[in-house]
PDB file of N, CA and C in Angstrom:
ATOM      1  N   UNK A   1     -12.099  26.545  45.738  1.00  0.00           N
ATOM      2  CA  UNK A   1     -12.684  25.289  45.175  1.00  0.00           C
ATOM      3  C   UNK A   1     -13.207  25.455  43.705  1.00  0.00           C
ATOM      4  N   UNK A   2     -13.850  26.619  43.378  1.00  0.00           N
ATOM      5  CA  UNK A   2     -14.133  26.977  42.103  1.00  0.00           C
ATOM      6  C   UNK A   2     -13.030  27.079  41.101  1.00  0.00           C
ATOM      7  N   UNK A   3     -11.941  27.582  41.724  1.00  0.00           N
ATOM      8  CA  UNK A   3     -10.685  27.571  40.767  1.00  0.00           C
ATOM      9  C   UNK A   3     -10.215  26.140  40.434  1.00  0.00           C
ATOM     10  N   UNK A   4     -10.336  25.294  41.248  1.00  0.00           N
ATOM     11  CA  UNK A   4      -9.791  23.809  40.989  1.00  0.00           C
ATOM     12  C   UNK A   4     -10.799  23.307  40.063  1.00  0.00           C
ATOM     13  N   UNK A   5     -11.945  23.464  40.198  1.00  0.00           N
ATOM     14  CA  UNK A   5     -13.061  22.987  39.327  1.00  0.00           C
ATOM     15  C   UNK A   5     -12.856  23.586  37.829  1.00  0.00           C
ATOM     16  N   UNK A   6     -12.578  24.750  37.825  1.00  0.00           N
ATOM     17  CA  UNK A   6     -12.210  25.469  36.470  1.00  0.00           C
ATOM     18  C   UNK A   6     -11.042  24.955  35.896  1.00  0.00           C
ATOM     19  N   UNK A   7     -10.014  24.752  36.717  1.00  0.00           N
ATOM     20  CA  UNK A   7      -8.756  24.121  36.112  1.00  0.00           C
ATOM     21  C   UNK A   7      -8.971  22.620  35.675  1.00  0.00           C
ATOM     22  N   UNK A   8      -9.628  21.843  36.364  1.00  0.00           N
ATOM     23  CA  UNK A   8     -10.058  20.463  35.975  1.00  0.00           C
ATOM     24  C   UNK A   8     -10.751  20.493  34.741  1.00  0.00           C
ATOM     25  N   UNK A   9     -11.764  21.371  34.668  1.00  0.00           N
ATOM     26  CA  UNK A   9     -12.595  21.449  33.492  1.00  0.00           C
ATOM     27  C   UNK A   9     -11.693  21.752  32.259  1.00  0.00           C
ATOM     28  N   UNK A  10     -10.855  22.723  32.356  1.00  0.00           N
ATOM     29  CA  UNK A  10      -9.946  23.231  31.297  1.00  0.00           C
ATOM     30  C   UNK A  10      -9.097  22.095  30.863  1.00  0.00           C
ATOM     31  N   UNK A  11      -8.492  21.413  31.852  1.00  0.00           N
ATOM     32  CA  UNK A  11      -7.675  20.279  31.536  1.00  0.00           C
ATOM     33  C   UNK A  11      -8.312  19.075  30.811  1.00  0.00           C
ATOM     34  N   UNK A  12      -9.708  18.809  31.173  1.00  0.00           N
ATOM     35  CA  UNK A  12     -10.405  17.821  30.520  1.00  0.00           C
ATOM     36  C   UNK A  12     -10.736  18.229  29.187  1.00  0.00           C
ATOM     37  N   UNK A  13     -11.020  19.512  28.888  1.00  0.00           N
ATOM     38  CA  UNK A  13     -11.437  19.935  27.635  1.00  0.00           C
ATOM     39  C   UNK A  13     -10.157  19.834  26.568  1.00  0.00           C
ATOM     40  N   UNK A  14      -8.998  20.308  27.143  1.00  0.00           N
ATOM     41  CA  UNK A  14      -7.779  20.115  26.315  1.00  0.00           C
ATOM     42  C   UNK A  14      -7.438  18.702  26.097  1.00  0.00           C
ATOM     43  N   UNK A  15      -7.600  17.825  27.015  1.00  0.00           N
ATOM     44  CA  UNK A  15      -7.256  16.421  26.705  1.00  0.00           C
ATOM     45  C   UNK A  15      -8.321  15.875  25.724  1.00  0.00           C
ATOM     46  N   UNK A  16      -9.631  16.226  25.808  1.00  0.00           N
ATOM     47  CA  UNK A  16     -10.614  15.767  24.817  1.00  0.00           C
ATOM     48  C   UNK A  16     -10.245  16.327  23.321  1.00  0.00           C
ATOM     49  N   UNK A  17      -9.831  17.541  23.249  1.00  0.00           N
ATOM     50  CA  UNK A  17      -9.340  18.161  22.060  1.00  0.00           C
ATOM     51  C   UNK A  17      -8.275  17.379  21.413  1.00  0.00           C
ATOM     52  N   UNK A  18      -7.229  17.182  22.204  1.00  0.00           N
ATOM     53  CA  UNK A  18      -5.992  16.454  21.804  1.00  0.00           C
ATOM     54  C   UNK A  18      -6.361  15.037  21.341  1.00  0.00           C
ATOM     55  N   UNK A  19      -7.197  14.380  22.133  1.00  0.00           N
ATOM     56  CA  UNK A  19      -7.528  12.993  21.741  1.00  0.00           C
ATOM     57  C   UNK A  19      -8.207  13.036  20.430  1.00  0.00           C
ATOM     58  N   UNK A  20      -9.232  13.924  20.148  1.00  0.00           N
ATOM     59  CA  UNK A  20      -9.891  14.119  18.938  1.00  0.00           C
ATOM     60  C   UNK A  20      -8.978  14.190  17.794  1.00  0.00           C
ATOM     61  N   UNK A  21      -7.996  15.098  17.931  1.00  0.00           N
ATOM     62  CA  UNK A  21      -6.991  15.457  16.994  1.00  0.00           C
ATOM     63  C   UNK A  21      -6.265  14.178  16.527  1.00  0.00           C
ATOM     64  N   UNK A  22      -5.776  13.511  17.649  1.00  0.00           N
ATOM     65  CA  UNK A  22      -4.923  12.285  17.509  1.00  0.00           C
ATOM     66  C   UNK A  22      -5.853  11.179  16.811  1.00  0.00           C
ATOM     67  N   UNK A  23      -6.996  11.075  17.180  1.00  0.00           N
ATOM     68  CA  UNK A  23      -7.815  10.091  16.380  1.00  0.00           C
ATOM     69  C   UNK A  23      -8.082  10.317  14.969  1.00  0.00           C
ATOM     70  N   UNK A  24      -8.164  11.575  14.627  1.00  0.00           N
ATOM     71  CA  UNK A  24      -8.454  12.005  13.412  1.00  0.00           C
ATOM     72  C   UNK A  24      -7.128  11.715  12.464  1.00  0.00           C
ATOM     73  N   UNK A  25      -5.926  12.064  13.097  1.00  0.00           N
ATOM     74  CA  UNK A  25      -4.680  11.821  12.382  1.00  0.00           C
ATOM     75  C   UNK A  25      -4.505  10.328  12.136  1.00  0.00           C
ATOM     76  N   UNK A  26      -4.891   9.531  13.211  1.00  0.00           N
ATOM     77  CA  UNK A  26      -4.632   8.037  13.106  1.00  0.00           C
ATOM     78  C   UNK A  26      -5.781   7.474  12.114  1.00  0.00           C
ATOM     79  N   UNK A  27      -6.865   8.038  12.091  1.00  0.00           N
ATOM     80  CA  UNK A  27      -7.751   7.592  11.091  1.00  0.00           C
ATOM     81  C   UNK A  27      -7.335   7.960   9.508  1.00  0.00           C
ATOM     82  N   UNK A  28      -6.719   9.093   9.434  1.00  0.00           N
ATOM     83  CA  UNK A  28      -6.261   9.538   8.220  1.00  0.00           C
ATOM     84  C   UNK A  28      -5.045   8.737   7.642  1.00  0.00           C
ATOM     85  N   UNK A  29      -4.221   8.389   8.600  1.00  0.00           N
ATOM     86  CA  UNK A  29      -2.971   7.488   8.316  1.00  0.00           C
ATOM     87  C   UNK A  29      -3.529   6.126   7.977  1.00  0.00           C
ATOM     88  N   UNK A  30      -4.526   5.567   8.656  1.00  0.00           N
ATOM     89  CA  UNK A  30      -5.048   4.320   8.243  1.00  0.00           C
ATOM     90  C   UNK A  30      -5.735   4.216   6.907  1.00  0.00           C
ATOM     91  N   UNK A  31      -6.510   5.256   6.627  1.00  0.00           N
ATOM     92  CA  UNK A  31      -7.244   5.251   5.290  1.00  0.00           C
ATOM     93  C   UNK A  31      -6.343   5.599   4.114  1.00  0.00           C
ATOM     94  N   UNK A  32      -5.280   6.344   4.424  1.00  0.00           N
ATOM     95  CA  UNK A  32      -4.162   6.740   3.384  1.00  0.00           C
ATOM     96  C   UNK A  32      -2.806   6.455   3.968  1.00  0.00           C
ATOM     97  N   UNK A  33      -2.342   5.325   4.080  1.00  0.00           N
ATOM     98  CA  UNK A  33      -1.062   5.090   4.727  1.00  0.00           C
ATOM     99  C   UNK A  33       0.067   5.409   3.864  1.00  0.00           C
ATOM    100  N   UNK A  34       1.221   5.893   4.487  1.00  0.00           N
ATOM    101  CA  UNK A  34       2.256   6.173   3.849  1.00  0.00           C
ATOM    102  C   UNK A  34       2.858   4.970   2.903  1.00  0.00           C
ATOM    103  N   UNK A  35       3.459   5.287   1.701  1.00  0.00           N
ATOM    104  CA  UNK A  35       3.960   4.264   0.767  1.00  0.00           C
ATOM    105  C   UNK A  35       4.556   3.030   1.512  1.00  0.00           C
ATOM    106  N   UNK A  36       5.586   3.339   2.410  1.00  0.00           N
ATOM    107  CA  UNK A  36       6.263   2.254   3.104  1.00  0.00           C
ATOM    108  C   UNK A  36       5.452   1.518   4.017  1.00  0.00           C
ATOM    109  N   UNK A  37       4.256   1.906   4.416  1.00  0.00           N
ATOM    110  CA  UNK A  37       3.293   1.097   5.194  1.00  0.00           C
ATOM    111  C   UNK A  37       2.147   0.321   4.447  1.00  0.00           C
ATOM    112  N   UNK A  38       2.165   0.467   3.166  1.00  0.00           N
ATOM    113  CA  UNK A  38       1.203  -0.151   2.341  1.00  0.00           C
ATOM    114  C   UNK A  38       1.520  -1.688   2.123  1.00  0.00           C
ATOM    115  N   UNK A  39       0.472  -2.466   1.879  1.00  0.00           N
ATOM    116  CA  UNK A  39       0.750  -3.926   1.697  1.00  0.00           C
ATOM    117  C   UNK A  39       1.422  -4.140   0.249  1.00  0.00           C
ATOM    118  N   UNK A  40       2.150  -5.181   0.285  1.00  0.00           N
ATOM    119  CA  UNK A  40       2.683  -5.756  -1.035  1.00  0.00           C
ATOM    120  C   UNK A  40       1.928  -6.988  -1.424  1.00  0.00           C
ATOM    121  N   UNK A  41       2.272  -7.459  -2.661  1.00  0.00           N
ATOM    122  CA  UNK A  41       1.680  -8.626  -3.207  1.00  0.00           C
ATOM    123  C   UNK A  41       2.603  -9.398  -3.948  1.00  0.00           C
ATOM    124  N   UNK A  42       2.434 -10.788  -4.134  1.00  0.00           N
ATOM    125  CA  UNK A  42       3.206 -11.530  -5.209  1.00  0.00           C
ATOM    126  C   UNK A  42       2.523 -11.366  -6.451  1.00  0.00           C
ATOM    127  N   UNK A  43       3.450 -11.277  -7.382  1.00  0.00           N
ATOM    128  CA  UNK A  43       2.999 -11.103  -8.761  1.00  0.00           C
ATOM    129  C   UNK A  43       3.657 -12.137  -9.741  1.00  0.00           C
ATOM    130  N   UNK A  44       2.853 -13.134 -10.095  1.00  0.00           N
ATOM    131  CA  UNK A  44       3.376 -14.283 -10.902  1.00  0.00           C
ATOM    132  C   UNK A  44       3.318 -13.996 -12.317  1.00  0.00           C
ATOM    133  N   UNK A  45       4.592 -14.043 -12.961  1.00  0.00           N
ATOM    134  CA  UNK A  45       4.672 -13.865 -14.406  1.00  0.00           C
ATOM    135  C   UNK A  45       4.616 -15.219 -14.941  1.00  0.00           C
ATOM    136  N   UNK A  46       3.802 -15.565 -16.018  1.00  0.00           N
ATOM    137  CA  UNK A  46       3.548 -16.963 -16.341  1.00  0.00           C
ATOM    138  C   UNK A  46       4.455 -17.361 -17.554  1.00  0.00           C
ATOM    139  N   UNK A  47       5.762 -17.742 -17.015  1.00  0.00           N
ATOM    140  CA  UNK A  47       6.656 -18.389 -18.158  1.00  0.00           C
ATOM    141  C   UNK A  47       6.822 -17.635 -19.443  1.00  0.00           C
ATOM    142  N   UNK A  48       7.016 -16.310 -19.391  1.00  0.00           N
ATOM    143  CA  UNK A  48       7.283 -15.503 -20.546  1.00  0.00           C
ATOM    144  C   UNK A  48       6.011 -14.985 -21.246  1.00  0.00           C
ATOM    145  N   UNK A  49       4.863 -15.349 -20.726  1.00  0.00           N
ATOM    146  CA  UNK A  49       3.618 -14.822 -21.367  1.00  0.00           C
ATOM    147  C   UNK A  49       3.174 -13.474 -20.664  1.00  0.00           C
ATOM    148  N   UNK A  50       4.064 -12.484 -21.066  1.00  0.00           N
ATOM    149  CA  UNK A  50       3.950 -11.189 -20.523  1.00  0.00           C
ATOM    150  C   UNK A  50       4.062 -10.216 -21.680  1.00  0.00           C
ATOM    151  N   UNK A  51       3.372  -9.085 -21.553  1.00  0.00           N
ATOM    152  CA  UNK A  51       3.442  -8.062 -22.539  1.00  0.00           C
ATOM    153  C   UNK A  51       3.681  -6.727 -21.787  1.00  0.00           C
ATOM    154  N   UNK A  52       4.208  -5.736 -22.345  1.00  0.00           N
ATOM    155  CA  UNK A  52       4.253  -4.507 -21.997  1.00  0.00           C
ATOM    156  C   UNK A  52       2.870  -3.781 -21.480  1.00  0.00           C
ATOM    157  N   UNK A  53       1.930  -3.958 -22.414  1.00  0.00           N
ATOM    158  CA  UNK A  53       0.705  -3.428 -22.077  1.00  0.00           C
ATOM    159  C   UNK A  53      -0.048  -4.112 -20.932  1.00  0.00           C
ATOM    160  N   UNK A  54       0.277  -5.434 -20.780  1.00  0.00           N
ATOM    161  CA  UNK A  54      -0.197  -6.218 -19.700  1.00  0.00           C
ATOM    162  C   UNK A  54       0.361  -5.770 -18.454  1.00  0.00           C
ATOM    163  N   UNK A  55       1.741  -5.654 -18.350  1.00  0.00           N
ATOM    164  CA  UNK A  55       2.411  -5.203 -17.245  1.00  0.00           C
ATOM    165  C   UNK A  55       1.941  -3.761 -16.785  1.00  0.00           C
ATOM    166  N   UNK A  56       1.841  -2.952 -17.748  1.00  0.00           N
ATOM    167  CA  UNK A  56       1.343  -1.526 -17.395  1.00  0.00           C
ATOM    168  C   UNK A  56      -0.091  -1.620 -16.765  1.00  0.00           C
ATOM    169  N   UNK A  57      -0.869  -2.392 -17.320  1.00  0.00           N
ATOM    170  CA  UNK A  57      -2.381  -2.507 -16.808  1.00  0.00           C
ATOM    171  C   UNK A  57      -2.253  -3.045 -15.448  1.00  0.00           C
ATOM    172  N   UNK A  58      -1.376  -4.018 -15.116  1.00  0.00           N
ATOM    173  CA  UNK A  58      -1.394  -4.660 -13.738  1.00  0.00           C
ATOM    174  C   UNK A  58      -0.814  -3.557 -12.812  1.00  0.00           C
ATOM    175  N   UNK A  59       0.254  -2.888 -13.228  1.00  0.00           N
ATOM    176  CA  UNK A  59       0.803  -1.896 -12.315  1.00  0.00           C
ATOM    177  C   UNK A  59      -0.197  -0.822 -12.046  1.00  0.00           C
ATOM    178  N   UNK A  60      -0.971  -0.435 -12.958  1.00  0.00           N
ATOM    179  CA  UNK A  60      -1.893   0.799 -12.807  1.00  0.00           C
ATOM    180  C   UNK A  60      -2.941   0.094 -11.748  1.00  0.00           C
ATOM    181  N   UNK A  61      -3.548  -1.011 -12.047  1.00  0.00           N
ATOM    182  CA  UNK A  61      -4.446  -1.644 -11.123  1.00  0.00           C
ATOM    183  C   UNK A  61      -3.995  -1.690  -9.645  1.00  0.00           C
ATOM    184  N   UNK A  62      -2.751  -2.002  -9.533  1.00  0.00           N
ATOM    185  CA  UNK A  62      -2.135  -2.130  -8.187  1.00  0.00           C
ATOM    186  C   UNK A  62      -1.987  -0.735  -7.608  1.00  0.00           C
ATOM    187  N   UNK A  63      -1.625   0.171  -8.456  1.00  0.00           N
ATOM    188  CA  UNK A  63      -1.697   1.455  -7.809  1.00  0.00           C
ATOM    189  C   UNK A  63      -2.995   1.897  -7.359  1.00  0.00           C
ATOM    190  N   UNK A  64      -3.927   1.711  -8.190  1.00  0.00           N
ATOM    191  CA  UNK A  64      -5.326   2.072  -7.917  1.00  0.00           C
ATOM    192  C   UNK A  64      -5.845   1.621  -6.708  1.00  0.00           C
ATOM    193  N   UNK A  65      -5.510   0.345  -6.398  1.00  0.00           N
ATOM    194  CA  UNK A  65      -6.117  -0.172  -5.029  1.00  0.00           C
ATOM    195  C   UNK A  65      -5.177  -0.004  -3.875  1.00  0.00           C
ATOM    196  N   UNK A  66      -4.088   0.742  -4.170  1.00  0.00           N
ATOM    197  CA  UNK A  66      -3.327   1.059  -2.945  1.00  0.00           C
ATOM    198  C   UNK A  66      -2.084   0.088  -2.562  1.00  0.00           C
ATOM    199  N   UNK A  67      -1.819  -0.737  -3.467  1.00  0.00           N
ATOM    200  CA  UNK A  67      -0.635  -1.565  -3.145  1.00  0.00           C
ATOM    201  C   UNK A  67       0.667  -0.695  -2.991  1.00  0.00           C
ATOM    202  N   UNK A  68       1.580  -1.115  -2.249  1.00  0.00           N
ATOM    203  CA  UNK A  68       2.870  -0.391  -2.171  1.00  0.00           C
ATOM    204  C   UNK A  68       4.023  -1.041  -2.964  1.00  0.00           C
ATOM    205  N   UNK A  69       3.754  -2.195  -3.397  1.00  0.00           N
ATOM    206  CA  UNK A  69       4.852  -2.820  -4.259  1.00  0.00           C
ATOM    207  C   UNK A  69       4.423  -4.350  -4.385  1.00  0.00           C
ATOM    208  N   UNK A  70       5.417  -5.016  -5.161  1.00  0.00           N
ATOM    209  CA  UNK A  70       5.018  -6.430  -5.602  1.00  0.00           C
ATOM    210  C   UNK A  70       6.419  -7.141  -5.690  1.00  0.00           C
ATOM    211  N   UNK A  71       6.343  -8.546  -5.488  1.00  0.00           N
ATOM    212  CA  UNK A  71       7.426  -9.299  -5.549  1.00  0.00           C
ATOM    213  C   UNK A  71       7.158 -10.266  -6.748  1.00  0.00           C
ATOM    214  N   UNK A  72       7.933 -10.140  -7.781  1.00  0.00           N
ATOM    215  CA  UNK A  72       7.629 -10.829  -9.142  1.00  0.00           C
ATOM    216  C   UNK A  72       8.419 -12.293  -9.008  1.00  0.00           C
ATOM    217  N   UNK A  73       7.579 -13.176  -9.422  1.00  0.00           N
ATOM    218  CA  UNK A  73       7.884 -14.560  -9.472  1.00  0.00           C
ATOM    219  C   UNK A  73       7.570 -15.090 -10.944  1.00  0.00           C
ATOM    220  N   UNK A  74       8.743 -15.534 -11.503  1.00  0.00           N
ATOM    221  CA  UNK A  74       8.503 -16.308 -12.877  1.00  0.00           C
ATOM    222  C   UNK A  74       8.034 -17.689 -12.626  1.00  0.00           C
ATOM    223  N   UNK A  75       6.799 -18.006 -12.901  1.00  0.00           N
ATOM    224  CA  UNK A  75       6.254 -19.381 -12.839  1.00  0.00           C
ATOM    225  C   UNK A  75       6.280 -20.157 -14.073  1.00  0.00           C
ATOM    226  N   UNK A  76       6.916 -21.331 -14.223  1.00  0.00           N
ATOM    227  CA  UNK A  76       7.085 -22.054 -15.424  1.00  0.00           C
ATOM    228  C   UNK A  76       6.619 -23.484 -15.437  1.00  0.00           C
ATOM    229  N   UNK A  77       6.539 -24.080 -14.208  1.00  0.00           N
ATOM    230  CA  UNK A  77       5.999 -25.377 -14.171  1.00  0.00           C
ATOM    231  C   UNK A  77       4.608 -25.546 -14.649  1.00  0.00           C
ATOM    232  N   UNK A  78       4.355 -26.294 -15.644  1.00  0.00           N
ATOM    233  CA  UNK A  78       2.952 -26.449 -16.165  1.00  0.00           C
ATOM    234  C   UNK A  78       2.438 -25.410 -16.981  1.00  0.00           C
ATOM    235  N   UNK A  79       3.189 -24.349 -17.272  1.00  0.00           N
ATOM    236  CA  UNK A  79       2.730 -23.177 -17.983  1.00  0.00           C
ATOM    237  C   UNK A  79       3.465 -23.394 -19.339  1.00  0.00           C
ATOM    238  N   UNK A  80       2.711 -23.060 -20.554  1.00  0.00           N
ATOM    239  CA  UNK A  80       3.346 -23.120 -21.841  1.00  0.00           C
ATOM    240  C   UNK A  80       4.305 -21.961 -21.958  1.00  0.00           C
ATOM    241  N   UNK A  81       5.486 -22.182 -22.609  1.00  0.00           N
ATOM    242  CA  UNK A  81       6.502 -21.184 -22.703  1.00  0.00           C
ATOM    243  C   UNK A  81       6.096 -20.059 -23.636  1.00  0.00           C
ATOM    244  N   UNK A  82       6.249 -18.882 -23.120  1.00  0.00           N
ATOM    245  CA  UNK A  82       5.829 -17.613 -23.724  1.00  0.00           C
ATOM    246  C   UNK A  82       6.968 -17.060 -24.652  1.00  0.00           C
ATOM    247  N   UNK A  83       6.577 -15.986 -25.383  1.00  0.00           N
ATOM    248  CA  UNK A  83       7.777 -15.486 -26.262  1.00  0.00           C
ATOM    249  C   UNK A  83       8.887 -14.614 -25.650  1.00  0.00           C
ATOM    250  N   UNK A  84       8.649 -14.334 -24.326  1.00  0.00           N
ATOM    251  CA  UNK A  84       9.625 -13.526 -23.732  1.00  0.00           C
ATOM    252  C   UNK A  84      10.421 -14.407 -22.695  1.00  0.00           C
ATOM    253  N   UNK A  85      11.911 -14.650 -23.120  1.00  0.00           N
ATOM    254  CA  UNK A  85      12.568 -15.494 -22.245  1.00  0.00           C
ATOM    255  C   UNK A  85      13.023 -14.866 -20.855  1.00  0.00           C
ATOM    256  N   UNK A  86      12.852 -15.722 -19.844  1.00  0.00           N
ATOM    257  CA  UNK A  86      13.082 -15.205 -18.416  1.00  0.00           C
ATOM    258  C   UNK A  86      14.407 -14.610 -18.311  1.00  0.00           C
ATOM    259  N   UNK A  87      14.476 -13.354 -17.659  1.00  0.00           N
ATOM    260  CA  UNK A  87      15.599 -12.538 -17.300  1.00  0.00           C
ATOM    261  C   UNK A  87      16.306 -11.939 -18.536  1.00  0.00           C
ATOM    262  N   UNK A  88      15.625 -12.283 -19.732  1.00  0.00           N
ATOM    263  CA  UNK A  88      16.452 -11.593 -21.149  1.00  0.00           C
ATOM    264  C   UNK A  88      16.225  -9.993 -20.956  1.00  0.00           C
ATOM    265  N   UNK A  89      16.845  -9.294 -21.872  1.00  0.00           N
ATOM    266  CA  UNK A  89      16.812  -7.899 -21.881  1.00  0.00           C
ATOM    267  C   UNK A  89      15.419  -7.427 -22.082  1.00  0.00           C
ATOM    268  N   UNK A  90      14.761  -8.181 -22.980  1.00  0.00           N
ATOM    269  CA  UNK A  90      13.330  -7.884 -23.305  1.00  0.00           C
ATOM    270  C   UNK A  90      12.333  -8.003 -21.953  1.00  0.00           C
ATOM    271  N   UNK A  91      12.577  -9.128 -21.347  1.00  0.00           N
ATOM    272  CA  UNK A  91      11.956  -9.379 -20.060  1.00  0.00           C
ATOM    273  C   UNK A  91      12.211  -8.311 -18.883  1.00  0.00           C
ATOM    274  N   UNK A  92      13.478  -7.714 -18.803  1.00  0.00           N
ATOM    275  CA  UNK A  92      13.809  -6.748 -17.951  1.00  0.00           C
ATOM    276  C   UNK A  92      13.374  -5.360 -18.391  1.00  0.00           C
ATOM    277  N   UNK A  93      13.259  -5.240 -19.752  1.00  0.00           N
ATOM    278  CA  UNK A  93      13.139  -3.952 -20.330  1.00  0.00           C
ATOM    279  C   UNK A  93      11.861  -3.294 -19.964  1.00  0.00           C
TER     280      UNK A  93
END
């Protein structure tokens, strides 16, 4: 009987340790998810009113808060036309 109790205690301790390790790995992955699991956002470019410095600042801010990517939309309705034409070499550059 003592042997069964000892074996049961060993199994319970092993399970508790494995569960604790699993939870810490899950917590780590939640706090710092892999790139492919990070959220994405919509990024509206306002009718050619973009600059290289502004784009860089936006990308750095997105990286800092942990975004995994962005979908760019050129928005033109009701927005004054900027100096960069949509889909031009400069716009894509």
